[in-house]
N, C-alpha and C. Protein backbone atom coordinates (compact mmCIF):
# COMPACT_ATOMS: atom_id res chain seq x y z
N MET A 1 101.20 106.95 86.55
CA MET A 1 101.43 105.98 85.24
C MET A 1 102.22 104.79 85.90
N PRO A 2 102.03 103.71 85.07
CA PRO A 2 102.83 102.40 85.82
C PRO A 2 104.35 102.37 85.55
N THR A 3 105.05 101.70 86.20
CA THR A 3 106.34 101.84 86.04
C THR A 3 106.75 100.76 84.74
N GLN A 4 107.85 100.97 84.43
CA GLN A 4 108.27 100.02 83.29
C GLN A 4 108.26 98.55 83.87
N GLN A 5 108.94 98.43 85.15
CA GLN A 5 108.65 97.21 85.64
C GLN A 5 107.50 96.56 85.83
N GLN A 6 106.48 97.31 86.22
CA GLN A 6 105.19 97.02 86.32
C GLN A 6 104.41 96.47 85.10
N MET A 7 104.73 97.24 84.08
CA MET A 7 104.27 96.97 82.73
C MET A 7 104.77 95.69 82.09
N LEU A 8 105.92 95.31 82.10
CA LEU A 8 106.22 94.18 82.13
C LEU A 8 105.98 92.79 82.52
N THR A 9 105.78 93.21 84.08
CA THR A 9 105.50 92.45 85.22
C THR A 9 103.81 91.83 84.58
N ALA A 10 102.95 93.17 84.23
CA ALA A 10 101.45 93.02 84.15
C ALA A 10 101.43 91.87 82.75
N ILE A 11 102.10 92.43 81.53
CA ILE A 11 101.96 91.60 80.38
C ILE A 11 102.15 90.18 80.38
N THR A 12 103.42 89.86 81.13
CA THR A 12 103.80 88.51 81.34
C THR A 12 102.32 87.75 82.13
N THR A 13 101.96 88.26 83.21
CA THR A 13 101.09 87.92 84.01
C THR A 13 99.75 87.54 83.25
N LEU A 14 99.38 88.52 82.52
CA LEU A 14 97.98 88.42 81.65
C LEU A 14 98.28 87.36 80.47
N GLN A 15 99.54 87.29 80.04
CA GLN A 15 99.59 86.50 78.92
C GLN A 15 99.74 84.68 79.68
N SER A 16 100.02 84.66 80.75
CA SER A 16 100.39 83.46 81.38
C SER A 16 98.68 83.12 82.13
N LEU A 17 98.12 84.11 82.45
CA LEU A 17 96.72 83.66 82.65
C LEU A 17 95.77 83.45 81.20
N SER A 18 95.93 84.02 80.11
CA SER A 18 95.48 83.75 78.95
C SER A 18 95.63 82.41 78.33
N ASN A 19 97.14 82.11 78.51
CA ASN A 19 97.65 80.90 77.86
C ASN A 19 96.64 79.67 78.85
N PHE A 20 96.36 79.85 79.85
CA PHE A 20 95.94 78.96 80.83
C PHE A 20 94.59 78.92 80.81
N TYR A 21 93.92 79.72 79.60
CA TYR A 21 92.24 80.29 79.87
C TYR A 21 91.71 80.66 80.70
N ARG A 22 92.57 81.42 81.49
CA ARG A 22 91.80 81.76 82.78
C ARG A 22 91.22 83.24 82.34
N PRO A 23 89.79 83.53 82.50
CA PRO A 23 89.42 84.76 82.46
C PRO A 23 89.66 85.87 83.43
N ILE A 24 89.74 86.82 82.62
CA ILE A 24 90.59 88.29 83.34
C ILE A 24 89.19 88.90 83.68
N TYR A 25 88.77 89.30 84.62
CA TYR A 25 87.92 90.18 85.18
C TYR A 25 87.92 91.53 85.48
N LEU A 26 89.15 92.04 86.02
CA LEU A 26 89.43 93.13 86.45
C LEU A 26 91.39 93.42 86.21
N PHE A 27 91.27 94.75 85.40
CA PHE A 27 92.73 95.02 85.36
C PHE A 27 92.90 96.57 85.65
N ARG A 28 93.34 96.88 86.71
CA ARG A 28 93.19 98.53 87.24
C ARG A 28 94.65 98.61 87.80
N TYR A 29 94.63 99.87 87.39
CA TYR A 29 95.87 100.64 87.93
C TYR A 29 95.80 101.71 88.69
N ASP A 30 95.93 101.72 90.12
CA ASP A 30 95.18 102.74 91.10
C ASP A 30 96.77 103.75 91.22
N ASP A 31 96.37 105.00 90.85
CA ASP A 31 97.07 106.08 91.01
C ASP A 31 97.56 106.63 92.28
N ARG A 32 96.80 106.18 93.41
CA ARG A 32 96.85 106.61 94.51
C ARG A 32 97.80 105.91 95.69
N SER A 33 97.58 104.37 95.13
CA SER A 33 98.78 103.17 95.63
C SER A 33 99.87 102.99 94.81
N LYS A 34 99.57 103.65 93.19
CA LYS A 34 100.88 103.05 92.54
C LYS A 34 100.93 101.45 92.22
N GLU A 35 99.79 100.92 92.25
CA GLU A 35 99.84 99.50 92.05
C GLU A 35 98.82 98.96 91.16
N ILE A 36 99.02 98.11 90.26
CA ILE A 36 98.13 97.19 89.32
C ILE A 36 97.58 96.04 90.08
N PHE A 37 96.21 95.86 90.03
CA PHE A 37 95.31 95.01 90.34
C PHE A 37 94.59 94.24 89.55
N ILE A 38 94.90 93.01 89.64
CA ILE A 38 94.13 91.94 88.79
C ILE A 38 92.97 90.95 89.49
N ILE A 39 92.04 90.90 88.88
CA ILE A 39 91.28 89.75 89.23
C ILE A 39 90.73 89.20 88.40
N ALA A 40 91.09 87.42 88.20
CA ALA A 40 91.01 86.62 87.36
C ALA A 40 90.51 85.20 88.06
N GLY A 41 90.12 84.12 87.31
CA GLY A 41 89.70 82.88 87.64
C GLY A 41 88.32 82.60 87.18
N GLU A 42 87.99 81.44 87.55
CA GLU A 42 86.88 80.89 86.76
C GLU A 42 85.72 81.67 87.96
N ARG A 43 86.07 81.76 89.19
CA ARG A 43 85.41 82.20 90.36
C ARG A 43 85.68 83.20 90.77
N GLU A 44 86.38 84.28 89.77
CA GLU A 44 87.02 85.52 90.32
C GLU A 44 87.87 85.49 91.71
N ASN A 45 88.27 84.20 91.96
CA ASN A 45 89.09 84.05 92.99
C ASN A 45 90.56 84.08 93.18
N VAL A 46 91.24 84.56 92.22
CA VAL A 46 92.65 84.81 91.82
C VAL A 46 92.65 86.38 91.86
N GLU A 47 93.58 87.02 92.81
CA GLU A 47 93.77 88.38 93.04
C GLU A 47 95.41 88.51 92.89
N ILE A 48 95.60 89.54 91.93
CA ILE A 48 97.19 89.77 91.82
C ILE A 48 97.42 91.29 91.63
N THR A 49 98.56 91.47 92.94
CA THR A 49 98.81 92.92 92.94
C THR A 49 100.38 93.21 92.32
N ILE A 50 100.73 94.03 91.68
CA ILE A 50 101.70 94.40 90.97
C ILE A 50 102.29 95.53 91.53
N PHE A 51 103.43 95.36 92.21
CA PHE A 51 103.99 96.62 92.83
C PHE A 51 104.66 97.50 91.88
N ALA A 52 105.17 98.58 92.56
CA ALA A 52 106.04 99.67 91.49
C ALA A 52 107.37 99.13 90.89
N ASN A 53 107.90 98.25 92.16
CA ASN A 53 109.36 97.47 91.81
C ASN A 53 109.22 96.38 90.83
N GLY A 54 107.80 96.11 90.30
CA GLY A 54 107.70 94.96 89.48
C GLY A 54 107.47 93.60 89.90
N GLU A 55 107.40 93.68 91.22
CA GLU A 55 107.00 92.21 92.29
C GLU A 55 105.62 92.42 92.36
N ARG A 56 105.23 90.84 92.14
CA ARG A 56 103.57 90.60 92.34
C ARG A 56 103.38 89.72 93.58
N ARG A 57 102.05 89.97 94.08
CA ARG A 57 101.60 89.10 94.95
C ARG A 57 100.39 88.42 94.57
N HIS A 58 100.27 87.01 94.56
CA HIS A 58 99.00 86.43 94.64
C HIS A 58 98.40 86.01 95.62
N ARG A 59 97.04 86.17 95.50
CA ARG A 59 96.37 85.56 96.62
C ARG A 59 95.00 84.81 95.75
N ILE A 60 94.80 83.63 96.53
CA ILE A 60 93.68 82.76 95.75
C ILE A 60 92.90 82.59 97.02
N ASN A 61 91.56 82.92 96.88
CA ASN A 61 90.42 82.74 97.64
C ASN A 61 89.44 81.37 97.50
N GLU A 62 89.45 80.85 98.82
CA GLU A 62 88.68 79.58 98.10
C GLU A 62 87.40 79.90 98.24
């Protein structure tokens, strides 16, 4: 189960992507790593990982 911080960060991240009309292709919570993973962007090139403490890491693949 995601932490409260993860859920809040996920909601604000997904809302921001939606506000900028960015397609969201994958939203997944991994029970093993306890992380939320999002793939978004026109070319599916934006990867976002949200850690248990609510911090997130962005990676943009060219």
